Full PDB file with SEQRES, HELIX, SHEET, SSBOND, CRYST1, ORIGX, SCALE, CONECT and MASTER records, all heavy atoms in Angstrom:
SEQRES   1 A   43  LYS PHE ASP ALA ALA VAL HIS ARG ARG ALA GLY ARG THR          
SEQRES   2 A   43  LYS MET PRO GLY GLY VAL HIS PHE THR GLY CYS ARG MET          
SEQRES   3 A   43  GLN PHE SER ILE PHE ALA PRO ALA ASP TYR GLU ALA CYS          
SEQRES   4 A   43  VAL PHE GLU SER                                              
SHEET    1 AA1 2 ARG A   8  ALA A  10  0                                        
SHEET    2 AA1 2 THR A  13  MET A  15 -1                                        
SHEET    1 AA2 2 HIS A  20  THR A  22  0                                        
SHEET    2 AA2 2 VAL A  40  GLU A  42  1                                        
CRYST1    1.000    1.000    1.000  90.00  90.00  90.00 P 1           1          
ORIGX1      1.000000  0.000000  0.000000        0.00000                         
ORIGX2      0.000000  1.000000  0.000000        0.00000                         
ORIGX3      0.000000  0.000000  1.000000        0.00000                         
SCALE1      1.000000  0.000000  0.000000        0.00000                         
SCALE2      0.000000  1.000000  0.000000        0.00000                         
SCALE3      0.000000  0.000000  1.000000        0.00000                         
ATOM      1  N   LYS A   1     114.829  47.656 145.621  1.00  0.00           N  
ATOM      2  CA  LYS A   1     115.346  46.797 144.439  1.00  0.00           C  
ATOM      3  C   LYS A   1     115.605  45.385 145.064  1.00  0.00           C  
ATOM      4  O   LYS A   1     116.460  45.254 145.919  1.00  0.00           O  
ATOM      5  CB  LYS A   1     116.501  47.438 143.779  1.00  0.00           C  
ATOM      6  CG  LYS A   1     116.251  48.741 143.068  1.00  0.00           C  
ATOM      7  CD  LYS A   1     117.544  49.360 142.454  1.00  0.00           C  
ATOM      8  CE  LYS A   1     117.239  50.593 141.719  1.00  0.00           C  
ATOM      9  NZ  LYS A   1     118.360  51.225 141.031  1.00  0.00           N  
ATOM     10  N   PHE A   2     114.794  44.474 144.636  1.00  0.00           N  
ATOM     11  CA  PHE A   2     114.762  43.123 145.188  1.00  0.00           C  
ATOM     12  C   PHE A   2     115.213  42.127 144.119  1.00  0.00           C  
ATOM     13  O   PHE A   2     114.631  41.899 143.148  1.00  0.00           O  
ATOM     14  CB  PHE A   2     113.346  42.718 145.682  1.00  0.00           C  
ATOM     15  CG  PHE A   2     113.352  41.532 146.431  1.00  0.00           C  
ATOM     16  CD1 PHE A   2     113.601  41.508 147.861  1.00  0.00           C  
ATOM     17  CD2 PHE A   2     113.136  40.283 145.913  1.00  0.00           C  
ATOM     18  CE1 PHE A   2     113.518  40.336 148.569  1.00  0.00           C  
ATOM     19  CE2 PHE A   2     113.053  39.126 146.570  1.00  0.00           C  
ATOM     20  CZ  PHE A   2     113.294  39.054 147.969  1.00  0.00           C  
ATOM     21  N   ASP A   3     116.378  41.458 144.390  1.00  0.00           N  
ATOM     22  CA  ASP A   3     116.961  40.482 143.555  1.00  0.00           C  
ATOM     23  C   ASP A   3     117.560  39.383 144.426  1.00  0.00           C  
ATOM     24  O   ASP A   3     118.659  39.351 144.734  1.00  0.00           O  
ATOM     25  CB  ASP A   3     118.056  41.063 142.651  1.00  0.00           C  
ATOM     26  CG  ASP A   3     118.668  40.167 141.717  1.00  0.00           C  
ATOM     27  OD1 ASP A   3     118.238  39.010 141.632  1.00  0.00           O  
ATOM     28  OD2 ASP A   3     119.787  40.416 141.179  1.00  0.00           O  
ATOM     29  N   ALA A   4     116.704  38.440 144.793  1.00  0.00           N  
ATOM     30  CA  ALA A   4     117.044  37.381 145.797  1.00  0.00           C  
ATOM     31  C   ALA A   4     116.403  36.090 145.426  1.00  0.00           C  
ATOM     32  O   ALA A   4     115.235  36.067 144.939  1.00  0.00           O  
ATOM     33  CB  ALA A   4     116.710  37.910 147.229  1.00  0.00           C  
ATOM     34  N   ALA A   5     117.035  34.982 145.721  1.00  0.00           N  
ATOM     35  CA  ALA A   5     116.480  33.693 145.632  1.00  0.00           C  
ATOM     36  C   ALA A   5     115.483  33.363 146.757  1.00  0.00           C  
ATOM     37  O   ALA A   5     115.997  33.478 147.984  1.00  0.00           O  
ATOM     38  CB  ALA A   5     117.545  32.590 145.587  1.00  0.00           C  
ATOM     39  N   VAL A   6     114.212  33.239 146.554  1.00  0.00           N  
ATOM     40  CA  VAL A   6     113.313  32.900 147.570  1.00  0.00           C  
ATOM     41  C   VAL A   6     112.954  31.483 147.781  1.00  0.00           C  
ATOM     42  O   VAL A   6     112.110  31.084 148.651  1.00  0.00           O  
ATOM     43  CB  VAL A   6     111.981  33.714 147.355  1.00  0.00           C  
ATOM     44  CG1 VAL A   6     112.310  35.224 147.231  1.00  0.00           C  
ATOM     45  CG2 VAL A   6     111.267  33.287 146.061  1.00  0.00           C  
ATOM     46  N   HIS A   7     113.459  30.614 146.888  1.00  0.00           N  
ATOM     47  CA  HIS A   7     113.245  29.181 147.011  1.00  0.00           C  
ATOM     48  C   HIS A   7     114.718  28.562 147.152  1.00  0.00           C  
ATOM     49  O   HIS A   7     115.725  29.230 146.834  1.00  0.00           O  
ATOM     50  CB  HIS A   7     112.533  28.529 145.896  1.00  0.00           C  
ATOM     51  CG  HIS A   7     111.180  29.280 145.622  1.00  0.00           C  
ATOM     52  ND1 HIS A   7     110.076  29.093 146.518  1.00  0.00           N  
ATOM     53  CD2 HIS A   7     110.679  29.906 144.582  1.00  0.00           C  
ATOM     54  CE1 HIS A   7     109.061  29.716 145.967  1.00  0.00           C  
ATOM     55  NE2 HIS A   7     109.463  30.332 144.873  1.00  0.00           N  
ATOM     56  N   ARG A   8     114.703  27.302 147.423  1.00  0.00           N  
ATOM     57  CA  ARG A   8     116.007  26.584 147.429  1.00  0.00           C  
ATOM     58  C   ARG A   8     115.917  25.388 146.472  1.00  0.00           C  
ATOM     59  O   ARG A   8     114.865  24.927 146.133  1.00  0.00           O  
ATOM     60  CB  ARG A   8     116.343  26.010 148.888  1.00  0.00           C  
ATOM     61  CG  ARG A   8     116.675  27.000 149.857  1.00  0.00           C  
ATOM     62  CD  ARG A   8     116.974  26.508 151.235  1.00  0.00           C  
ATOM     63  NE  ARG A   8     117.194  27.682 152.267  1.00  0.00           N  
ATOM     64  CZ  ARG A   8     117.171  27.483 153.495  1.00  0.00           C  
ATOM     65  NH1 ARG A   8     116.800  26.290 154.018  1.00  0.00           N  
ATOM     66  NH2 ARG A   8     117.416  28.473 154.275  1.00  0.00           N  
ATOM     67  N   ARG A   9     117.095  25.012 146.060  1.00  0.00           N  
ATOM     68  CA  ARG A   9     117.106  23.839 145.078  1.00  0.00           C  
ATOM     69  C   ARG A   9     118.168  22.854 145.572  1.00  0.00           C  
ATOM     70  O   ARG A   9     119.233  23.173 146.029  1.00  0.00           O  
ATOM     71  CB  ARG A   9     117.514  24.242 143.693  1.00  0.00           C  
ATOM     72  CG  ARG A   9     116.458  25.155 143.089  1.00  0.00           C  
ATOM     73  CD  ARG A   9     116.631  25.340 141.551  1.00  0.00           C  
ATOM     74  NE  ARG A   9     115.383  25.992 140.947  1.00  0.00           N  
ATOM     75  CZ  ARG A   9     114.346  25.302 140.558  1.00  0.00           C  
ATOM     76  NH1 ARG A   9     114.324  24.108 140.677  1.00  0.00           N  
ATOM     77  NH2 ARG A   9     113.285  26.083 140.046  1.00  0.00           N  
ATOM     78  N   ALA A  10     117.718  21.554 145.446  1.00  0.00           N  
ATOM     79  CA  ALA A  10     118.654  20.437 145.707  1.00  0.00           C  
ATOM     80  C   ALA A  10     118.705  19.644 144.333  1.00  0.00           C  
ATOM     81  O   ALA A  10     117.821  18.930 144.065  1.00  0.00           O  
ATOM     82  CB  ALA A  10     118.163  19.580 146.788  1.00  0.00           C  
ATOM     83  N   GLY A  11     119.740  19.951 143.597  1.00  0.00           N  
ATOM     84  CA  GLY A  11     119.836  19.299 142.381  1.00  0.00           C  
ATOM     85  C   GLY A  11     118.714  20.003 141.486  1.00  0.00           C  
ATOM     86  O   GLY A  11     118.597  21.254 141.295  1.00  0.00           O  
ATOM     87  N   ARG A  12     117.810  19.130 140.897  1.00  0.00           N  
ATOM     88  CA  ARG A  12     116.680  19.648 140.040  1.00  0.00           C  
ATOM     89  C   ARG A  12     115.423  19.854 140.882  1.00  0.00           C  
ATOM     90  O   ARG A  12     114.397  20.228 140.326  1.00  0.00           O  
ATOM     91  CB  ARG A  12     116.446  18.777 138.929  1.00  0.00           C  
ATOM     92  CG  ARG A  12     117.622  18.574 137.981  1.00  0.00           C  
ATOM     93  CD  ARG A  12     117.293  17.714 136.814  1.00  0.00           C  
ATOM     94  NE  ARG A  12     118.348  17.644 135.859  1.00  0.00           N  
ATOM     95  CZ  ARG A  12     118.328  16.827 134.680  1.00  0.00           C  
ATOM     96  NH1 ARG A  12     117.210  16.214 134.407  1.00  0.00           N  
ATOM     97  NH2 ARG A  12     119.335  16.881 133.903  1.00  0.00           N  
ATOM     98  N   THR A  13     115.540  19.531 142.136  1.00  0.00           N  
ATOM     99  CA  THR A  13     114.316  19.594 143.032  1.00  0.00           C  
ATOM    100  C   THR A  13     114.225  21.002 143.709  1.00  0.00           C  
ATOM    101  O   THR A  13     115.177  21.421 144.339  1.00  0.00           O  
ATOM    102  CB  THR A  13     114.367  18.464 144.107  1.00  0.00           C  
ATOM    103  OG1 THR A  13     114.381  17.211 143.458  1.00  0.00           O  
ATOM    104  CG2 THR A  13     113.059  18.581 144.937  1.00  0.00           C  
ATOM    105  N   LYS A  14     113.108  21.604 143.605  1.00  0.00           N  
ATOM    106  CA  LYS A  14     112.765  22.981 144.158  1.00  0.00           C  
ATOM    107  C   LYS A  14     112.293  22.768 145.502  1.00  0.00           C  
ATOM    108  O   LYS A  14     111.226  21.973 145.713  1.00  0.00           O  
ATOM    109  CB  LYS A  14     111.903  23.803 143.346  1.00  0.00           C  
ATOM    110  CG  LYS A  14     111.767  25.180 143.902  1.00  0.00           C  
ATOM    111  CD  LYS A  14     110.926  26.102 142.925  1.00  0.00           C  
ATOM    112  CE  LYS A  14     109.521  25.780 142.858  1.00  0.00           C  
ATOM    113  NZ  LYS A  14     108.854  26.861 142.079  1.00  0.00           N  
ATOM    114  N   MET A  15     112.853  23.376 146.554  1.00  0.00           N  
ATOM    115  CA  MET A  15     112.296  23.471 147.899  1.00  0.00           C  
ATOM    116  C   MET A  15     111.528  24.780 148.069  1.00  0.00           C  
ATOM    117  O   MET A  15     112.200  25.770 148.211  1.00  0.00           O  
ATOM    118  CB  MET A  15     113.387  23.242 148.904  1.00  0.00           C  
ATOM    119  CG  MET A  15     114.134  22.045 148.769  1.00  0.00           C  
ATOM    120  SD  MET A  15     115.624  22.013 149.892  1.00  0.00           S  
ATOM    121  CE  MET A  15     114.771  22.093 151.462  1.00  0.00           C  
ATOM    122  N   PRO A  16     110.230  24.800 147.996  1.00  0.00           N  
ATOM    123  CA  PRO A  16     109.457  26.033 148.072  1.00  0.00           C  
ATOM    124  C   PRO A  16     109.645  26.756 149.445  1.00  0.00           C  
ATOM    125  O   PRO A  16     109.627  26.129 150.376  1.00  0.00           O  
ATOM    126  CB  PRO A  16     107.940  25.499 147.857  1.00  0.00           C  
ATOM    127  CG  PRO A  16     108.051  24.163 147.265  1.00  0.00           C  
ATOM    128  CD  PRO A  16     109.278  23.593 147.799  1.00  0.00           C  
ATOM    129  N   GLY A  17     109.876  27.980 149.296  1.00  0.00           N  
ATOM    130  CA  GLY A  17     109.940  28.811 150.627  1.00  0.00           C  
ATOM    131  C   GLY A  17     109.056  30.108 150.291  1.00  0.00           C  
ATOM    132  O   GLY A  17     107.982  30.153 150.722  1.00  0.00           O  
ATOM    133  N   GLY A  18     109.677  31.141 149.641  1.00  0.00           N  
ATOM    134  CA  GLY A  18     108.948  32.292 149.279  1.00  0.00           C  
ATOM    135  C   GLY A  18     109.340  33.431 150.200  1.00  0.00           C  
ATOM    136  O   GLY A  18     109.824  33.187 151.261  1.00  0.00           O  
ATOM    137  N   VAL A  19     108.930  34.638 149.787  1.00  0.00           N  
ATOM    138  CA  VAL A  19     109.139  35.863 150.598  1.00  0.00           C  
ATOM    139  C   VAL A  19     107.785  36.347 150.919  1.00  0.00           C  
ATOM    140  O   VAL A  19     106.797  36.205 150.164  1.00  0.00           O  
ATOM    141  CB  VAL A  19     109.983  36.867 149.784  1.00  0.00           C  
ATOM    142  CG1 VAL A  19     109.240  37.365 148.643  1.00  0.00           C  
ATOM    143  CG2 VAL A  19     110.432  38.029 150.731  1.00  0.00           C  
ATOM    144  N   HIS A  20     107.601  37.046 152.127  1.00  0.00           N  
ATOM    145  CA  HIS A  20     106.298  37.496 152.521  1.00  0.00           C  
ATOM    146  C   HIS A  20     106.434  39.020 152.872  1.00  0.00           C  
ATOM    147  O   HIS A  20     106.973  39.326 153.763  1.00  0.00           O  
ATOM    148  CB  HIS A  20     105.786  36.724 153.849  1.00  0.00           C  
ATOM    149  CG  HIS A  20     105.785  35.133 153.591  1.00  0.00           C  
ATOM    150  ND1 HIS A  20     104.502  34.571 153.544  1.00  0.00           N  
ATOM    151  CD2 HIS A  20     106.771  34.282 153.476  1.00  0.00           C  
ATOM    152  CE1 HIS A  20     104.767  33.273 153.341  1.00  0.00           C  
ATOM    153  NE2 HIS A  20     106.036  33.078 153.356  1.00  0.00           N  
ATOM    154  N   PHE A  21     105.571  39.695 152.169  1.00  0.00           N  
ATOM    155  CA  PHE A  21     105.425  41.102 152.359  1.00  0.00           C  
ATOM    156  C   PHE A  21     103.965  41.343 152.942  1.00  0.00           C  
ATOM    157  O   PHE A  21     102.976  41.010 152.072  1.00  0.00           O  
ATOM    158  CB  PHE A  21     105.684  41.922 151.099  1.00  0.00           C  
ATOM    159  CG  PHE A  21     107.100  42.030 150.691  1.00  0.00           C  
ATOM    160  CD1 PHE A  21     107.495  41.001 149.780  1.00  0.00           C  
ATOM    161  CD2 PHE A  21     107.894  42.972 151.007  1.00  0.00           C  
ATOM    162  CE1 PHE A  21     108.863  41.059 149.246  1.00  0.00           C  
ATOM    163  CE2 PHE A  21     109.251  42.999 150.630  1.00  0.00           C  
ATOM    164  CZ  PHE A  21     109.721  42.094 149.713  1.00  0.00           C  
ATOM    165  N   THR A  22     103.774  41.820 154.049  1.00  0.00           N  
ATOM    166  CA  THR A  22     102.391  42.165 154.474  1.00  0.00           C  
ATOM    167  C   THR A  22     102.368  43.601 155.114  1.00  0.00           C  
ATOM    168  O   THR A  22     103.127  44.006 155.936  1.00  0.00           O  
ATOM    169  CB  THR A  22     102.029  41.164 155.615  1.00  0.00           C  
ATOM    170  OG1 THR A  22     102.945  41.158 156.689  1.00  0.00           O  
ATOM    171  CG2 THR A  22     101.890  39.703 155.072  1.00  0.00           C  
ATOM    172  N   GLY A  23     101.268  44.269 154.650  1.00  0.00           N  
ATOM    173  CA  GLY A  23     101.090  45.576 155.123  1.00  0.00           C  
ATOM    174  C   GLY A  23     102.209  46.557 154.891  1.00  0.00           C  
ATOM    175  O   GLY A  23     102.473  47.533 155.602  1.00  0.00           O  
ATOM    176  N   CYS A  24     102.939  46.396 153.739  1.00  0.00           N  
ATOM    177  CA  CYS A  24     104.115  47.238 153.389  1.00  0.00           C  
ATOM    178  C   CYS A  24     103.839  48.240 152.408  1.00  0.00           C  
ATOM    179  O   CYS A  24     102.996  48.150 151.507  1.00  0.00           O  
ATOM    180  CB  CYS A  24     105.195  46.281 152.871  1.00  0.00           C  
ATOM    181  SG  CYS A  24     105.912  45.234 154.090  1.00  0.00           S  
ATOM    182  N   ARG A  25     104.439  49.404 152.413  1.00  0.00           N  
ATOM    183  CA  ARG A  25     104.462  50.546 151.445  1.00  0.00           C  
ATOM    184  C   ARG A  25     105.471  50.180 150.474  1.00  0.00           C  
ATOM    185  O   ARG A  25     106.688  50.279 150.736  1.00  0.00           O  
ATOM    186  CB  ARG A  25     104.545  51.920 152.067  1.00  0.00           C  
ATOM    187  CG  ARG A  25     103.563  52.260 153.025  1.00  0.00           C  
ATOM    188  CD  ARG A  25     103.755  53.545 153.751  1.00  0.00           C  
ATOM    189  NE  ARG A  25     103.996  54.637 152.774  1.00  0.00           N  
ATOM    190  CZ  ARG A  25     104.686  55.775 152.962  1.00  0.00           C  
ATOM    191  NH1 ARG A  25     105.341  55.907 154.181  1.00  0.00           N  
ATOM    192  NH2 ARG A  25     104.958  56.751 152.039  1.00  0.00           N  
ATOM    193  N   MET A  26     105.224  49.902 149.235  1.00  0.00           N  
ATOM    194  CA  MET A  26     106.194  49.368 148.237  1.00  0.00           C  
ATOM    195  C   MET A  26     106.073  50.082 146.912  1.00  0.00           C  
ATOM    196  O   MET A  26     106.425  49.570 145.906  1.00  0.00           O  
ATOM    197  CB  MET A  26     106.050  47.935 148.040  1.00  0.00           C  
ATOM    198  CG  MET A  26     106.185  47.102 149.375  1.00  0.00           C  
ATOM    199  SD  MET A  26     105.816  45.370 149.149  1.00  0.00           S  
ATOM    200  CE  MET A  26     107.201  44.869 148.085  1.00  0.00           C  
ATOM    201  N   GLN A  27     105.648  51.371 146.940  1.00  0.00           N  
ATOM    202  CA  GLN A  27     105.580  52.089 145.693  1.00  0.00           C  
ATOM    203  C   GLN A  27     106.930  52.088 144.964  1.00  0.00           C  
ATOM    204  O   GLN A  27     107.970  52.291 145.578  1.00  0.00           O  
ATOM    205  CB  GLN A  27     105.063  53.435 145.825  1.00  0.00           C  
ATOM    206  CG  GLN A  27     103.650  53.563 146.442  1.00  0.00           C  
ATOM    207  CD  GLN A  27     103.708  53.836 148.043  1.00  0.00           C  
ATOM    208  OE1 GLN A  27     104.475  53.115 148.702  1.00  0.00           O  
ATOM    209  NE2 GLN A  27     102.986  54.779 148.420  1.00  0.00           N  
ATOM    210  N   PHE A  28     106.912  51.961 143.638  1.00  0.00           N  
ATOM    211  CA  PHE A  28     108.117  51.994 142.746  1.00  0.00           C  
ATOM    212  C   PHE A  28     109.144  50.970 143.113  1.00  0.00           C  
ATOM    213  O   PHE A  28     110.312  51.114 142.749  1.00  0.00           O  
ATOM    214  CB  PHE A  28     108.682  53.476 142.894  1.00  0.00           C  
ATOM    215  CG  PHE A  28     107.867  54.554 142.385  1.00  0.00           C  
ATOM    216  CD1 PHE A  28     107.011  55.254 143.322  1.00  0.00           C  
ATOM    217  CD2 PHE A  28     107.638  54.831 141.048  1.00  0.00           C  
ATOM    218  CE1 PHE A  28     106.169  56.300 142.972  1.00  0.00           C  
ATOM    219  CE2 PHE A  28     106.733  55.757 140.613  1.00  0.00           C  
ATOM    220  CZ  PHE A  28     106.094  56.539 141.497  1.00  0.00           C  
ATOM    221  N   SER A  29     108.745  49.951 143.871  1.00  0.00           N  
ATOM    222  CA  SER A  29     109.742  48.863 144.075  1.00  0.00           C  
ATOM    223  C   SER A  29     109.971  48.075 142.709  1.00  0.00           C  
ATOM    224  O   SER A  29     109.162  48.050 141.869  1.00  0.00           O  
ATOM    225  CB  SER A  29     109.277  47.939 145.186  1.00  0.00           C  
ATOM    226  OG  SER A  29     107.942  47.450 144.868  1.00  0.00           O  
ATOM    227  N   ILE A  30     111.105  47.442 142.652  1.00  0.00           N  
ATOM    228  CA  ILE A  30     111.523  46.693 141.412  1.00  0.00           C  
ATOM    229  C   ILE A  30     111.984  45.249 141.791  1.00  0.00           C  
ATOM    230  O   ILE A  30     112.853  45.083 142.666  1.00  0.00           O  
ATOM    231  CB  ILE A  30     112.648  47.450 140.742  1.00  0.00           C  
ATOM    232  CG1 ILE A  30     112.247  48.865 140.222  1.00  0.00           C  
ATOM    233  CG2 ILE A  30     113.091  46.652 139.447  1.00  0.00           C  
ATOM    234  CD1 ILE A  30     113.445  49.695 139.735  1.00  0.00           C  
ATOM    235  N   PHE A  31     111.229  44.335 141.220  1.00  0.00           N  
ATOM    236  CA  PHE A  31     111.647  42.889 141.494  1.00  0.00           C  
ATOM    237  C   PHE A  31     112.228  42.345 140.189  1.00  0.00           C  
ATOM    238  O   PHE A  31     111.720  42.363 139.124  1.00  0.00           O  
ATOM    239  CB  PHE A  31     110.302  42.109 141.889  1.00  0.00           C  
ATOM    240  CG  PHE A  31     109.920  42.427 143.295  1.00  0.00           C  
ATOM    241  CD1 PHE A  31     109.183  43.553 143.616  1.00  0.00           C  
ATOM    242  CD2 PHE A  31     110.149  41.482 144.264  1.00  0.00           C  
ATOM    243  CE1 PHE A  31     108.716  43.818 144.798  1.00  0.00           C  
ATOM    244  CE2 PHE A  31     109.772  41.798 145.639  1.00  0.00           C  
ATOM    245  CZ  PHE A  31     109.013  42.924 145.818  1.00  0.00           C  
ATOM    246  N   ALA A  32     113.443  41.893 140.453  1.00  0.00           N  
ATOM    247  CA  ALA A  32     114.217  41.315 139.285  1.00  0.00           C  
ATOM    248  C   ALA A  32     113.489  40.015 138.790  1.00  0.00           C  
ATOM    249  O   ALA A  32     112.747  39.340 139.515  1.00  0.00           O  
ATOM    250  CB  ALA A  32     115.572  40.788 139.638  1.00  0.00           C  
ATOM    251  N   PRO A  33     113.428  39.876 137.419  1.00  0.00           N  
ATOM    252  CA  PRO A  33     112.779  38.717 136.883  1.00  0.00           C  
ATOM    253  C   PRO A  33     113.176  37.359 137.475  1.00  0.00           C  
ATOM    254  O   PRO A  33     114.399  37.083 137.424  1.00  0.00           O  
ATOM    255  CB  PRO A  33     113.040  38.718 135.412  1.00  0.00           C  
ATOM    256  CG  PRO A  33     113.315  40.158 135.158  1.00  0.00           C  
ATOM    257  CD  PRO A  33     114.033  40.668 136.437  1.00  0.00           C  
ATOM    258  N   ALA A  34     112.372  36.615 138.192  1.00  0.00           N  
ATOM    259  CA  ALA A  34     112.771  35.450 138.967  1.00  0.00           C  
ATOM    260  C   ALA A  34     111.492  34.638 139.304  1.00  0.00           C  
ATOM    261  O   ALA A  34     110.391  34.979 138.900  1.00  0.00           O  
ATOM    262  CB  ALA A  34     113.574  35.844 140.212  1.00  0.00           C  
ATOM    263  N   ASP A  35     111.694  33.564 140.034  1.00  0.00           N  
ATOM    264  CA  ASP A  35     110.628  32.651 140.349  1.00  0.00           C  
ATOM    265  C   ASP A  35     110.072  33.109 141.778  1.00  0.00           C  
ATOM    266  O   ASP A  35     110.746  32.879 142.818  1.00  0.00           O  
ATOM    267  CB  ASP A  35     111.116  31.300 140.518  1.00  0.00           C  
ATOM    268  CG  ASP A  35     110.036  30.163 140.872  1.00  0.00           C  
ATOM    269  OD1 ASP A  35     108.976  30.596 140.954  1.00  0.00           O  
ATOM    270  OD2 ASP A  35     110.402  29.004 140.978  1.00  0.00           O  
ATOM    271  N   TYR A  36     108.863  33.751 141.799  1.00  0.00           N  
ATOM    272  CA  TYR A  36     108.222  34.141 143.069  1.00  0.00           C  
ATOM    273  C   TYR A  36     106.948  33.372 143.304  1.00  0.00           C  
ATOM    274  O   TYR A  36     106.041  33.843 143.876  1.00  0.00           O  
ATOM    275  CB  TYR A  36     107.979  35.638 142.924  1.00  0.00           C  
ATOM    276  CG  TYR A  36     109.106  36.563 142.742  1.00  0.00           C  
ATOM    277  CD1 TYR A  36     109.446  37.130 141.526  1.00  0.00           C  
ATOM    278  CD2 TYR A  36     110.056  36.854 143.851  1.00  0.00           C  
ATOM    279  CE1 TYR A  36     110.565  37.907 141.279  1.00  0.00           C  
ATOM    280  CE2 TYR A  36     111.109  37.674 143.587  1.00  0.00           C  
ATOM    281  CZ  TYR A  36     111.358  38.188 142.252  1.00  0.00           C  
ATOM    282  OH  TYR A  36     112.559  38.971 142.099  1.00  0.00           O  
ATOM    283  N   GLU A  37     107.059  32.043 142.959  1.00  0.00           N  
ATOM    284  CA  GLU A  37     105.795  31.263 143.011  1.00  0.00           C  
ATOM    285  C   GLU A  37     105.379  31.158 144.432  1.00  0.00           C  
ATOM    286  O   GLU A  37     106.152  30.978 145.347  1.00  0.00           O  
ATOM    287  CB  GLU A  37     106.058  29.828 142.430  1.00  0.00           C  
ATOM    288  CG  GLU A  37     104.883  28.927 142.536  1.00  0.00           C  
ATOM    289  CD  GLU A  37     105.081  27.533 141.885  1.00  0.00           C  
ATOM    290  OE1 GLU A  37     106.231  27.421 141.424  1.00  0.00           O  
ATOM    291  OE2 GLU A  37     104.176  26.815 141.978  1.00  0.00           O  
ATOM    292  N   ALA A  38     104.108  31.390 144.651  1.00  0.00           N  
ATOM    293  CA  ALA A  38     103.402  31.330 146.005  1.00  0.00           C  
ATOM    294  C   ALA A  38     104.011  32.226 147.003  1.00  0.00           C  
ATOM    295  O   ALA A  38     103.765  32.094 148.191  1.00  0.00           O  
ATOM    296  CB  ALA A  38     103.591  29.820 146.554  1.00  0.00           C  
ATOM    297  N   CYS A  39     104.618  33.376 146.555  1.00  0.00           N  
ATOM    298  CA  CYS A  39     104.980  34.439 147.443  1.00  0.00           C  
ATOM    299  C   CYS A  39     103.787  35.321 147.893  1.00  0.00           C  
ATOM    300  O   CYS A  39     102.736  35.272 147.246  1.00  0.00           O  
ATOM    301  CB  CYS A  39     106.067  35.337 146.901  1.00  0.00           C  
ATOM    302  SG  CYS A  39     107.678  34.459 146.596  1.00  0.00           S  
ATOM    303  N   VAL A  40     103.933  36.057 148.868  1.00  0.00           N  
ATOM    304  CA  VAL A  40     102.881  36.805 149.514  1.00  0.00           C  
ATOM    305  C   VAL A  40     103.192  38.270 149.384  1.00  0.00           C  
ATOM    306  O   VAL A  40     104.247  38.785 149.922  1.00  0.00           O  
ATOM    307  CB  VAL A  40     102.610  36.428 150.953  1.00  0.00           C  
ATOM    308  CG1 VAL A  40     101.651  37.256 151.651  1.00  0.00           C  
ATOM    309  CG2 VAL A  40     102.241  34.942 151.013  1.00  0.00           C  
ATOM    310  N   PHE A  41     102.200  39.036 148.877  1.00  0.00           N  
ATOM    311  CA  PHE A  41     102.252  40.548 148.809  1.00  0.00           C  
ATOM    312  C   PHE A  41     100.848  40.971 149.276  1.00  0.00           C  
ATOM    313  O   PHE A  41     100.103  41.440 148.403  1.00  0.00           O  
ATOM    314  CB  PHE A  41     102.583  41.001 147.436  1.00  0.00           C  
ATOM    315  CG  PHE A  41     103.798  40.471 146.809  1.00  0.00           C  
ATOM    316  CD1 PHE A  41     103.828  39.171 146.119  1.00  0.00           C  
ATOM    317  CD2 PHE A  41     104.985  41.053 146.953  1.00  0.00           C  
ATOM    318  CE1 PHE A  41     104.955  38.708 145.621  1.00  0.00           C  
ATOM    319  CE2 PHE A  41     106.208  40.597 146.384  1.00  0.00           C  
ATOM    320  CZ  PHE A  41     106.150  39.354 145.688  1.00  0.00           C  
ATOM    321  N   GLU A  42     100.522  40.832 150.487  1.00  0.00           N  
ATOM    322  CA  GLU A  42      99.160  41.131 150.966  1.00  0.00           C  
ATOM    323  C   GLU A  42      99.071  42.440 151.735  1.00  0.00           C  
ATOM    324  O   GLU A  42      99.929  42.756 152.450  1.00  0.00           O  
ATOM    325  CB  GLU A  42      98.779  40.014 151.835  1.00  0.00           C  
ATOM    326  CG  GLU A  42      98.570  38.607 151.118  1.00  0.00           C  
ATOM    327  CD  GLU A  42      98.008  37.462 151.929  1.00  0.00           C  
ATOM    328  OE1 GLU A  42      98.019  37.641 153.130  1.00  0.00           O  
ATOM    329  OE2 GLU A  42      97.707  36.444 151.367  1.00  0.00           O  
ATOM    330  N   SER A  43      97.940  43.175 151.438  1.00  0.00           N  
ATOM    331  CA  SER A  43      97.669  44.420 152.107  1.00  0.00           C  
ATOM    332  C   SER A  43      98.752  45.406 151.887  1.00  0.00           C  
ATOM    333  O   SER A  43      99.127  46.203 152.840  1.00  0.00           O  
ATOM    334  CB  SER A  43      97.391  44.149 153.582  1.00  0.00           C  
ATOM    335  OG  SER A  43      96.175  43.294 153.686  1.00  0.00           O  
TER     336      SER A  43                                                      
MASTER        0    0    0    0    4    0    0    6  335    1    0    4          
END                                                                             
């Protein structure tokens, strides 16, 4: 169950970061509704 901020903000400016999952087993995982722009879920 993942509910975390993956970007940072300075006022109204977003500092892109993202979370990276590679080669992971993630069946039945739950991601809270949030901003995951440009995040990685590969293989």
